[in-house]
Amino acid sequence: MTPIFKLIRPTVFPLPVLANLPHSGLFVPEAIRGQLTAAHQTFLPHQDWHLDQLYNFLPALGITMLQATHSRYVVDLNRSLKPPYFGNFWSSAIAEKTAFDVPLYQTKPSAQDIEQRLEDYYRPYHAELKSQLNQLIEQFGQVYLLDLHSFYGPITDDICLGNANGKTCSDFFIDTVDNAFAQVDFGVVRNKVFNGGYITQHYGGLPKHEALQVEVRYPVYLDESQLAESRVPDWQVPHFDQAKLRFKTVFAQIAETFSES
């Protein structure tokens, strides 16, 4: 059975920083895959392709990583657990249609199926996320959550930082991340369309927590010529490697700032 998450602890002295990747998993259990339309059994669009590979250097900088292994179409961890649980792509824990309003299912999940997914995937993941955040608070007195995502439209900026227009983190946190990206010539905007999803807004509203959503535009790190194809884009390509080197520089600067603070 495929674990529902991977927890990767720092390989050096830890920082009070946790990187969360709720949408980078691609695994769909066979029973769920069989409910999907024929086209969606072979390809599911609009996922955070290969962020686990892009960011796999973070533990070497002292940053704890928690990443989902299952697809956002199994359950969307970045949605509030409130009804309707099955419905709109942008608000429900289980999407009925894609972001492009295309039906996903030939056989819709039953109410029992939906509850089982929440019990098997959603609740355990958030329990682990809470546990890891609390452990860092116990150690440092404060925790900084980076919620890491990627996108293709509706904006063309390289990086969008979201903190619910200043509500989920301090100026220190967002300035640190913004400046690090800008120093290697990424185009950075704040709260432009993407102002922080459920995870950022929920955990960023808790005491001793600060949360920041980081959205990266697909062509920053993926081969744009592949993005129109109905297949998962490649990560073992030169463009990805070049982007990853820039990201290492960015996050080394972020880690250095937190190690000094």
C-alpha atoms as a PDB file:
ATOM      1  CA  MET A   1       0.000   0.000   0.000  1.00  0.00           C
ATOM      2  CA  THR A   2       1.348   3.419  -0.984  1.00  0.00           C
ATOM      3  CA  PRO A   3       1.908   5.696   2.041  1.00  0.00           C
ATOM      4  CA  ILE A   4      -0.232   8.841   1.911  1.00  0.00           C
ATOM      5  CA  PHE A   5       2.692  11.167   2.583  1.00  0.00           C
ATOM      6  CA  LYS A   6       6.460  11.380   2.765  1.00  0.00           C
ATOM      7  CA  LEU A   7       8.049  13.110   5.723  1.00  0.00           C
ATOM      8  CA  ILE A   8      11.651  14.101   5.054  1.00  0.00           C
ATOM      9  CA  ARG A   9      13.476  15.489   8.057  1.00  0.00           C
ATOM     10  CA  PRO A  10      16.420  17.872   7.830  1.00  0.00           C
ATOM     11  CA  THR A  11      19.833  16.329   7.320  1.00  0.00           C
ATOM     12  CA  VAL A  12      21.480  19.290   9.086  1.00  0.00           C
ATOM     13  CA  PHE A  13      20.462  21.284  12.156  1.00  0.00           C
ATOM     14  CA  PRO A  14      16.765  22.080  11.665  1.00  0.00           C
ATOM     15  CA  LEU A  15      15.259  25.486  11.088  1.00  0.00           C
ATOM     16  CA  PRO A  16      11.787  26.526  12.290  1.00  0.00           C
ATOM     17  CA  VAL A  17      10.590  26.093   8.699  1.00  0.00           C
ATOM     18  CA  LEU A  18       8.338  23.414   7.211  1.00  0.00           C
ATOM     19  CA  ALA A  19       7.770  23.017   3.470  1.00  0.00           C
ATOM     20  CA  ASN A  20       4.424  21.460   2.591  1.00  0.00           C
ATOM     21  CA  LEU A  21       3.646  20.009  -0.858  1.00  0.00           C
ATOM     22  CA  PRO A  22      -0.047  19.027  -0.880  1.00  0.00           C
ATOM     23  CA  HIS A  23      -0.516  18.776  -4.660  1.00  0.00           C
ATOM     24  CA  SER A  24       2.687  17.189  -5.981  1.00  0.00           C
ATOM     25  CA  GLY A  25       1.570  13.570  -5.541  1.00  0.00           C
ATOM     26  CA  LEU A  26       0.344  11.760  -8.657  1.00  0.00           C
ATOM     27  CA  PHE A  27      -0.747   8.344  -7.360  1.00  0.00           C
ATOM     28  CA  VAL A  28      -4.383   7.309  -7.848  1.00  0.00           C
ATOM     29  CA  PRO A  29      -5.499   3.979  -6.318  1.00  0.00           C
ATOM     30  CA  GLU A  30      -6.881   1.553  -8.860  1.00  0.00           C
ATOM     31  CA  ALA A  31     -10.386   1.489  -7.357  1.00  0.00           C
ATOM     32  CA  ILE A  32     -10.635   5.265  -7.699  1.00  0.00           C
ATOM     33  CA  ARG A  33      -9.026   5.325 -11.135  1.00  0.00           C
ATOM     34  CA  GLY A  34     -11.653   2.884 -12.367  1.00  0.00           C
ATOM     35  CA  GLN A  35     -14.408   5.386 -11.522  1.00  0.00           C
ATOM     36  CA  LEU A  36     -12.892   8.075 -13.746  1.00  0.00           C
ATOM     37  CA  THR A  37     -13.645   8.643 -17.411  1.00  0.00           C
ATOM     38  CA  ALA A  38     -11.428   6.755 -19.842  1.00  0.00           C
ATOM     39  CA  ALA A  39      -9.477   9.917 -20.714  1.00  0.00           C
ATOM     40  CA  HIS A  40      -8.837  10.757 -17.060  1.00  0.00           C
ATOM     41  CA  GLN A  41      -7.691   7.254 -16.259  1.00  0.00           C
ATOM     42  CA  THR A  42      -4.611   7.993 -18.351  1.00  0.00           C
ATOM     43  CA  PHE A  43      -4.084  11.700 -17.642  1.00  0.00           C
ATOM     44  CA  LEU A  44      -5.226  14.165 -14.979  1.00  0.00           C
ATOM     45  CA  PRO A  45      -4.441  17.842 -15.676  1.00  0.00           C
ATOM     46  CA  HIS A  46      -3.588  20.805 -13.495  1.00  0.00           C
ATOM     47  CA  GLN A  47      -1.329  19.134 -10.935  1.00  0.00           C
ATOM     48  CA  ASP A  48       1.799  20.482  -9.244  1.00  0.00           C
ATOM     49  CA  TRP A  49       4.109  18.533 -11.494  1.00  0.00           C
ATOM     50  CA  HIS A  50       7.393  17.341  -9.970  1.00  0.00           C
ATOM     51  CA  LEU A  51       7.662  19.835  -7.137  1.00  0.00           C
ATOM     52  CA  ASP A  52       8.983  16.963  -5.021  1.00  0.00           C
ATOM     53  CA  GLN A  53      11.959  16.770  -7.388  1.00  0.00           C
ATOM     54  CA  LEU A  54      12.355  20.525  -7.679  1.00  0.00           C
ATOM     55  CA  TYR A  55      12.545  21.010  -3.912  1.00  0.00           C
ATOM     56  CA  ASN A  56      14.256  17.799  -2.788  1.00  0.00           C
ATOM     57  CA  PHE A  57      17.309  19.779  -1.627  1.00  0.00           C
ATOM     58  CA  LEU A  58      15.374  21.526   1.165  1.00  0.00           C
ATOM     59  CA  PRO A  59      16.183  19.027   3.961  1.00  0.00           C
ATOM     60  CA  ALA A  60      19.894  19.666   3.313  1.00  0.00           C
ATOM     61  CA  LEU A  61      19.197  23.303   4.225  1.00  0.00           C
ATOM     62  CA  GLY A  62      17.480  22.430   7.520  1.00  0.00           C
ATOM     63  CA  ILE A  63      13.914  22.576   6.227  1.00  0.00           C
ATOM     64  CA  THR A  64      11.446  19.820   7.115  1.00  0.00           C
ATOM     65  CA  MET A  65       9.428  18.549   4.121  1.00  0.00           C
ATOM     66  CA  LEU A  66       5.972  16.991   4.119  1.00  0.00           C
ATOM     67  CA  GLN A  67       4.654  15.960   0.725  1.00  0.00           C
ATOM     68  CA  ALA A  68       1.530  14.163  -0.420  1.00  0.00           C
ATOM     69  CA  THR A  69       1.960  11.043  -2.530  1.00  0.00           C
ATOM     70  CA  HIS A  70      -1.630  10.825  -3.798  1.00  0.00           C
ATOM     71  CA  SER A  71      -3.136  13.009  -6.479  1.00  0.00           C
ATOM     72  CA  ARG A  72      -5.223  16.042  -5.635  1.00  0.00           C
ATOM     73  CA  TYR A  73      -8.028  14.226  -7.486  1.00  0.00           C
ATOM     74  CA  VAL A  74      -8.099  11.537  -4.799  1.00  0.00           C
ATOM     75  CA  VAL A  75      -8.602  14.265  -2.211  1.00  0.00           C
ATOM     76  CA  ASP A  76      -7.592  17.905  -2.251  1.00  0.00           C
ATOM     77  CA  LEU A  77      -5.685  18.643   0.931  1.00  0.00           C
ATOM     78  CA  ASN A  78      -5.804  22.371   0.255  1.00  0.00           C
ATOM     79  CA  ARG A  79      -9.573  22.593   0.681  1.00  0.00           C
ATOM     80  CA  SER A  80     -11.571  23.166   3.837  1.00  0.00           C
ATOM     81  CA  LEU A  81     -13.277  20.087   5.235  1.00  0.00           C
ATOM     82  CA  LYS A  82     -16.800  21.401   4.902  1.00  0.00           C
ATOM     83  CA  PRO A  83     -19.707  20.275   2.718  1.00  0.00           C
ATOM     84  CA  PRO A  84     -20.201  19.757  -0.082  1.00  0.00           C
ATOM     85  CA  TYR A  85     -17.191  17.434   0.065  1.00  0.00           C
ATOM     86  CA  PHE A  86     -17.763  16.399  -3.560  1.00  0.00           C
ATOM     87  CA  GLY A  87     -18.205  19.269  -5.996  1.00  0.00           C
ATOM     88  CA  ASN A  88     -16.395  22.334  -7.299  1.00  0.00           C
ATOM     89  CA  PHE A  89     -12.700  21.932  -8.149  1.00  0.00           C
ATOM     90  CA  TRP A  90     -11.839  25.179  -6.362  1.00  0.00           C
ATOM     91  CA  SER A  91     -13.733  24.616  -3.121  1.00  0.00           C
ATOM     92  CA  SER A  92     -14.548  20.936  -2.468  1.00  0.00           C
ATOM     93  CA  ALA A  93     -12.231  18.329  -0.968  1.00  0.00           C
ATOM     94  CA  ILE A  94     -13.066  15.966  -3.840  1.00  0.00           C
ATOM     95  CA  ALA A  95     -13.484  17.484  -7.283  1.00  0.00           C
ATOM     96  CA  GLU A  96     -16.370  16.428  -9.516  1.00  0.00           C
ATOM     97  CA  LYS A  97     -14.877  18.178 -12.569  1.00  0.00           C
ATOM     98  CA  THR A  98     -11.468  19.458 -13.606  1.00  0.00           C
ATOM     99  CA  ALA A  99     -10.401  23.095 -13.285  1.00  0.00           C
ATOM    100  CA  PHE A 100     -11.579  23.401 -16.895  1.00  0.00           C
ATOM    101  CA  ASP A 101     -15.083  22.195 -15.956  1.00  0.00           C
ATOM    102  CA  VAL A 102     -14.703  18.814 -17.659  1.00  0.00           C
ATOM    103  CA  PRO A 103     -16.446  15.912 -15.842  1.00  0.00           C
ATOM    104  CA  LEU A 104     -13.979  13.546 -14.172  1.00  0.00           C
ATOM    105  CA  TYR A 105     -16.195  10.551 -13.432  1.00  0.00           C
ATOM    106  CA  GLN A 106     -18.044   7.938 -15.382  1.00  0.00           C
ATOM    107  CA  THR A 107     -19.165   6.475 -12.040  1.00  0.00           C
ATOM    108  CA  LYS A 108     -19.479   9.084  -9.315  1.00  0.00           C
ATOM    109  CA  PRO A 109     -18.286   8.098  -5.826  1.00  0.00           C
ATOM    110  CA  SER A 110     -20.985   7.284  -3.303  1.00  0.00           C
ATOM    111  CA  ALA A 111     -21.371   9.169  -0.029  1.00  0.00           C
ATOM    112  CA  GLN A 112     -19.621   6.236   1.647  1.00  0.00           C
ATOM    113  CA  ASP A 113     -16.770   6.393  -0.894  1.00  0.00           C
ATOM    114  CA  ILE A 114     -16.332  10.106  -0.230  1.00  0.00           C
ATOM    115  CA  GLU A 115     -16.258   9.700   3.543  1.00  0.00           C
ATOM    116  CA  GLN A 116     -13.764   6.853   3.204  1.00  0.00           C
ATOM    117  CA  ARG A 117     -11.417   9.049   1.172  1.00  0.00           C
ATOM    118  CA  LEU A 118     -11.570  11.789   3.781  1.00  0.00           C
ATOM    119  CA  GLU A 119     -10.845   9.250   6.503  1.00  0.00           C
ATOM    120  CA  ASP A 120      -8.044   7.513   4.592  1.00  0.00           C
ATOM    121  CA  TYR A 121      -6.254  10.496   3.068  1.00  0.00           C
ATOM    122  CA  TYR A 122      -7.389  13.933   4.221  1.00  0.00           C
ATOM    123  CA  ARG A 123      -7.567  13.595   7.994  1.00  0.00           C
ATOM    124  CA  PRO A 124      -4.307  11.632   8.445  1.00  0.00           C
ATOM    125  CA  TYR A 125      -2.369  14.100   6.299  1.00  0.00           C
ATOM    126  CA  HIS A 126      -3.567  17.112   8.249  1.00  0.00           C
ATOM    127  CA  ALA A 127      -2.948  15.306  11.519  1.00  0.00           C
ATOM    128  CA  GLU A 128       0.673  14.788  10.451  1.00  0.00           C
ATOM    129  CA  LEU A 129       1.016  18.372   9.275  1.00  0.00           C
ATOM    130  CA  LYS A 130      -0.281  19.658  12.610  1.00  0.00           C
ATOM    131  CA  SER A 131       2.035  17.315  14.485  1.00  0.00           C
ATOM    132  CA  GLN A 132       5.135  18.471  12.613  1.00  0.00           C
ATOM    133  CA  LEU A 133       4.238  22.127  12.996  1.00  0.00           C
ATOM    134  CA  ASN A 134       3.695  21.662  16.729  1.00  0.00           C
ATOM    135  CA  GLN A 135       7.031  19.890  17.098  1.00  0.00           C
ATOM    136  CA  LEU A 136       8.817  22.848  15.524  1.00  0.00           C
ATOM    137  CA  ILE A 137       6.931  25.254  17.776  1.00  0.00           C
ATOM    138  CA  GLU A 138       8.011  23.241  20.810  1.00  0.00           C
ATOM    139  CA  GLN A 139      11.611  23.452  19.654  1.00  0.00           C
ATOM    140  CA  PHE A 140      11.723  27.057  18.431  1.00  0.00           C
ATOM    141  CA  GLY A 141       8.652  28.807  19.854  1.00  0.00           C
ATOM    142  CA  GLN A 142       7.475  29.734  16.343  1.00  0.00           C
ATOM    143  CA  VAL A 143       7.034  27.972  13.000  1.00  0.00           C
ATOM    144  CA  TYR A 144       7.120  29.209   9.404  1.00  0.00           C
ATOM    145  CA  LEU A 145       5.091  27.191   6.885  1.00  0.00           C
ATOM    146  CA  LEU A 146       5.911  27.352   3.185  1.00  0.00           C
ATOM    147  CA  ASP A 147       2.987  25.930   1.195  1.00  0.00           C
ATOM    148  CA  LEU A 148       4.490  25.109  -2.194  1.00  0.00           C
ATOM    149  CA  HIS A 149       2.475  24.980  -5.436  1.00  0.00           C
ATOM    150  CA  SER A 150       2.747  25.514  -9.192  1.00  0.00           C
ATOM    151  CA  PHE A 151       0.357  26.776 -11.855  1.00  0.00           C
ATOM    152  CA  TYR A 152      -0.200  27.603 -15.539  1.00  0.00           C
ATOM    153  CA  GLY A 153      -2.229  30.810 -15.771  1.00  0.00           C
ATOM    154  CA  PRO A 154      -4.189  32.975 -15.097  1.00  0.00           C
ATOM    155  CA  ILE A 155      -1.136  35.223 -14.570  1.00  0.00           C
ATOM    156  CA  THR A 156       2.224  35.259 -16.321  1.00  0.00           C
ATOM    157  CA  ASP A 157       4.470  36.263 -13.416  1.00  0.00           C
ATOM    158  CA  ASP A 158       7.147  33.725 -12.443  1.00  0.00           C
ATOM    159  CA  ILE A 159       6.368  33.576  -8.724  1.00  0.00           C
ATOM    160  CA  CYS A 160       3.279  34.586  -6.796  1.00  0.00           C
ATOM    161  CA  LEU A 161       3.473  34.836  -3.008  1.00  0.00           C
ATOM    162  CA  GLY A 162       0.197  34.667  -1.100  1.00  0.00           C
ATOM    163  CA  ASN A 163      -0.443  35.590   2.511  1.00  0.00           C
ATOM    164  CA  ALA A 164      -4.120  36.589   2.389  1.00  0.00           C
ATOM    165  CA  ASN A 165      -3.121  40.215   1.896  1.00  0.00           C
ATOM    166  CA  GLY A 166      -0.949  40.304   4.995  1.00  0.00           C
ATOM    167  CA  LYS A 167      -3.069  38.169   7.308  1.00  0.00           C
ATOM    168  CA  THR A 168      -1.140  34.880   7.460  1.00  0.00           C
ATOM    169  CA  CYS A 169       2.469  35.958   7.946  1.00  0.00           C
ATOM    170  CA  SER A 170       4.693  38.825   8.942  1.00  0.00           C
ATOM    171  CA  ASP A 171       6.422  41.254   6.604  1.00  0.00           C
ATOM    172  CA  PHE A 172       9.688  39.608   7.674  1.00  0.00           C
ATOM    173  CA  PHE A 173       8.627  36.230   6.272  1.00  0.00           C
ATOM    174  CA  ILE A 174       7.214  37.404   2.947  1.00  0.00           C
ATOM    175  CA  ASP A 175      10.007  39.951   2.444  1.00  0.00           C
ATOM    176  CA  THR A 176      12.631  37.268   3.041  1.00  0.00           C
ATOM    177  CA  VAL A 177      11.148  34.981   0.383  1.00  0.00           C
ATOM    178  CA  ASP A 178      10.378  37.787  -2.067  1.00  0.00           C
ATOM    179  CA  ASN A 179      13.897  39.227  -1.863  1.00  0.00           C
ATOM    180  CA  ALA A 180      15.520  35.818  -2.311  1.00  0.00           C
ATOM    181  CA  PHE A 181      13.590  35.123  -5.526  1.00  0.00           C
ATOM    182  CA  ALA A 182      14.146  38.648  -6.830  1.00  0.00           C
ATOM    183  CA  GLN A 183      17.909  38.397  -6.298  1.00  0.00           C
ATOM    184  CA  VAL A 184      18.121  35.695  -8.981  1.00  0.00           C
ATOM    185  CA  ASP A 185      15.866  37.645 -11.347  1.00  0.00           C
ATOM    186  CA  PHE A 186      12.559  35.883 -10.887  1.00  0.00           C
ATOM    187  CA  GLY A 187       9.536  38.096 -11.448  1.00  0.00           C
ATOM    188  CA  VAL A 188       7.689  38.119  -8.110  1.00  0.00           C
ATOM    189  CA  VAL A 189       4.211  39.397  -7.260  1.00  0.00           C
ATOM    190  CA  ARG A 190       2.193  39.252  -4.071  1.00  0.00           C
ATOM    191  CA  ASN A 191      -1.436  38.208  -3.645  1.00  0.00           C
ATOM    192  CA  LYS A 192      -2.150  38.504  -7.361  1.00  0.00           C
ATOM    193  CA  VAL A 193      -4.978  36.003  -7.961  1.00  0.00           C
ATOM    194  CA  PHE A 194      -3.227  33.510  -5.644  1.00  0.00           C
ATOM    195  CA  ASN A 195      -3.503  34.973  -2.165  1.00  0.00           C
ATOM    196  CA  GLY A 196      -3.250  31.746  -0.174  1.00  0.00           C
ATOM    197  CA  GLY A 197      -5.470  28.686  -0.128  1.00  0.00           C
ATOM    198  CA  TYR A 198      -6.990  26.801   2.785  1.00  0.00           C
ATOM    199  CA  ILE A 199      -3.708  25.519   4.220  1.00  0.00           C
ATOM    200  CA  THR A 200      -2.072  28.939   4.207  1.00  0.00           C
ATOM    201  CA  GLN A 201      -5.091  30.703   5.634  1.00  0.00           C
ATOM    202  CA  HIS A 202      -5.975  28.042   8.220  1.00  0.00           C
ATOM    203  CA  TYR A 203      -2.524  27.400   9.657  1.00  0.00           C
ATOM    204  CA  GLY A 204      -1.443  31.000   9.191  1.00  0.00           C
ATOM    205  CA  GLY A 205      -4.273  32.015  11.495  1.00  0.00           C
ATOM    206  CA  LEU A 206      -3.084  29.901  14.416  1.00  0.00           C
ATOM    207  CA  PRO A 207      -0.937  31.227  17.289  1.00  0.00           C
ATOM    208  CA  LYS A 208       2.826  30.943  16.763  1.00  0.00           C
ATOM    209  CA  HIS A 209       2.272  29.948  13.112  1.00  0.00           C
ATOM    210  CA  GLU A 210       3.144  31.968  10.023  1.00  0.00           C
ATOM    211  CA  ALA A 211       2.208  30.633   6.592  1.00  0.00           C
ATOM    212  CA  LEU A 212       3.077  31.700   3.059  1.00  0.00           C
ATOM    213  CA  GLN A 213       1.890  30.188  -0.221  1.00  0.00           C
ATOM    214  CA  VAL A 214       4.469  30.052  -3.010  1.00  0.00           C
ATOM    215  CA  GLU A 215       3.099  29.563  -6.538  1.00  0.00           C
ATOM    216  CA  VAL A 216       5.565  28.869  -9.357  1.00  0.00           C
ATOM    217  CA  ARG A 217       4.489  29.181 -12.981  1.00  0.00           C
ATOM    218  CA  TYR A 218       4.976  25.919 -14.893  1.00  0.00           C
ATOM    219  CA  PRO A 219       7.307  27.314 -17.604  1.00  0.00           C
ATOM    220  CA  VAL A 220       9.722  28.514 -14.925  1.00  0.00           C
ATOM    221  CA  TYR A 221      10.815  24.914 -14.384  1.00  0.00           C
ATOM    222  CA  LEU A 222       9.055  22.743 -16.992  1.00  0.00           C
ATOM    223  CA  ASP A 223       9.526  22.508 -20.762  1.00  0.00           C
ATOM    224  CA  GLU A 224       6.703  24.705 -22.032  1.00  0.00           C
ATOM    225  CA  SER A 225       6.500  22.817 -25.335  1.00  0.00           C
ATOM    226  CA  GLN A 226       5.184  19.783 -23.416  1.00  0.00           C
ATOM    227  CA  LEU A 227       2.452  21.590 -21.514  1.00  0.00           C
ATOM    228  CA  ALA A 228      -0.136  21.425 -24.296  1.00  0.00           C
ATOM    229  CA  GLU A 229       0.190  17.633 -24.431  1.00  0.00           C
ATOM    230  CA  SER A 230      -2.107  15.295 -22.481  1.00  0.00           C
ATOM    231  CA  ARG A 231       0.712  13.705 -20.546  1.00  0.00           C
ATOM    232  CA  VAL A 232       2.801  14.372 -17.471  1.00  0.00           C
ATOM    233  CA  PRO A 233       5.660  16.696 -18.469  1.00  0.00           C
ATOM    234  CA  ASP A 234       9.232  15.508 -18.042  1.00  0.00           C
ATOM    235  CA  TRP A 235      11.478  16.659 -15.226  1.00  0.00           C
ATOM    236  CA  GLN A 236      14.692  15.024 -16.435  1.00  0.00           C
ATOM    237  CA  VAL A 237      15.347  17.788 -18.952  1.00  0.00           C
ATOM    238  CA  PRO A 238      17.928  20.620 -19.049  1.00  0.00           C
ATOM    239  CA  HIS A 239      15.367  23.374 -18.408  1.00  0.00           C
ATOM    240  CA  PHE A 240      14.322  21.714 -15.146  1.00  0.00           C
ATOM    241  CA  ASP A 241      17.942  21.296 -14.042  1.00  0.00           C
ATOM    242  CA  GLN A 242      18.717  24.944 -14.755  1.00  0.00           C
ATOM    243  CA  ALA A 243      15.673  26.117 -12.817  1.00  0.00           C
ATOM    244  CA  LYS A 244      16.548  23.880  -9.892  1.00  0.00           C
ATOM    245  CA  LEU A 245      19.986  25.483  -9.597  1.00  0.00           C
ATOM    246  CA  ARG A 246      18.322  28.888  -9.314  1.00  0.00           C
ATOM    247  CA  PHE A 247      15.884  27.561  -6.703  1.00  0.00           C
ATOM    248  CA  LYS A 248      18.771  26.197  -4.660  1.00  0.00           C
ATOM    249  CA  THR A 249      20.272  29.688  -4.588  1.00  0.00           C
ATOM    250  CA  VAL A 250      16.920  31.172  -3.558  1.00  0.00           C
ATOM    251  CA  PHE A 251      16.294  28.785  -0.701  1.00  0.00           C
ATOM    252  CA  ALA A 252      19.888  28.820   0.513  1.00  0.00           C
ATOM    253  CA  GLN A 253      19.407  32.565   1.035  1.00  0.00           C
ATOM    254  CA  ILE A 254      16.080  31.977   2.826  1.00  0.00           C
ATOM    255  CA  ALA A 255      17.663  29.335   5.059  1.00  0.00           C
ATOM    256  CA  GLU A 256      20.592  31.627   5.860  1.00  0.00           C
ATOM    257  CA  THR A 257      18.198  34.389   6.912  1.00  0.00           C
ATOM    258  CA  PHE A 258      16.310  32.068   9.251  1.00  0.00           C
ATOM    259  CA  SER A 259      19.492  30.602  10.706  1.00  0.00           C
ATOM    260  CA  GLU A 260      20.566  34.133  11.654  1.00  0.00           C
ATOM    261  CA  SER A 261      17.234  35.329  13.009  1.00  0.00           C
END
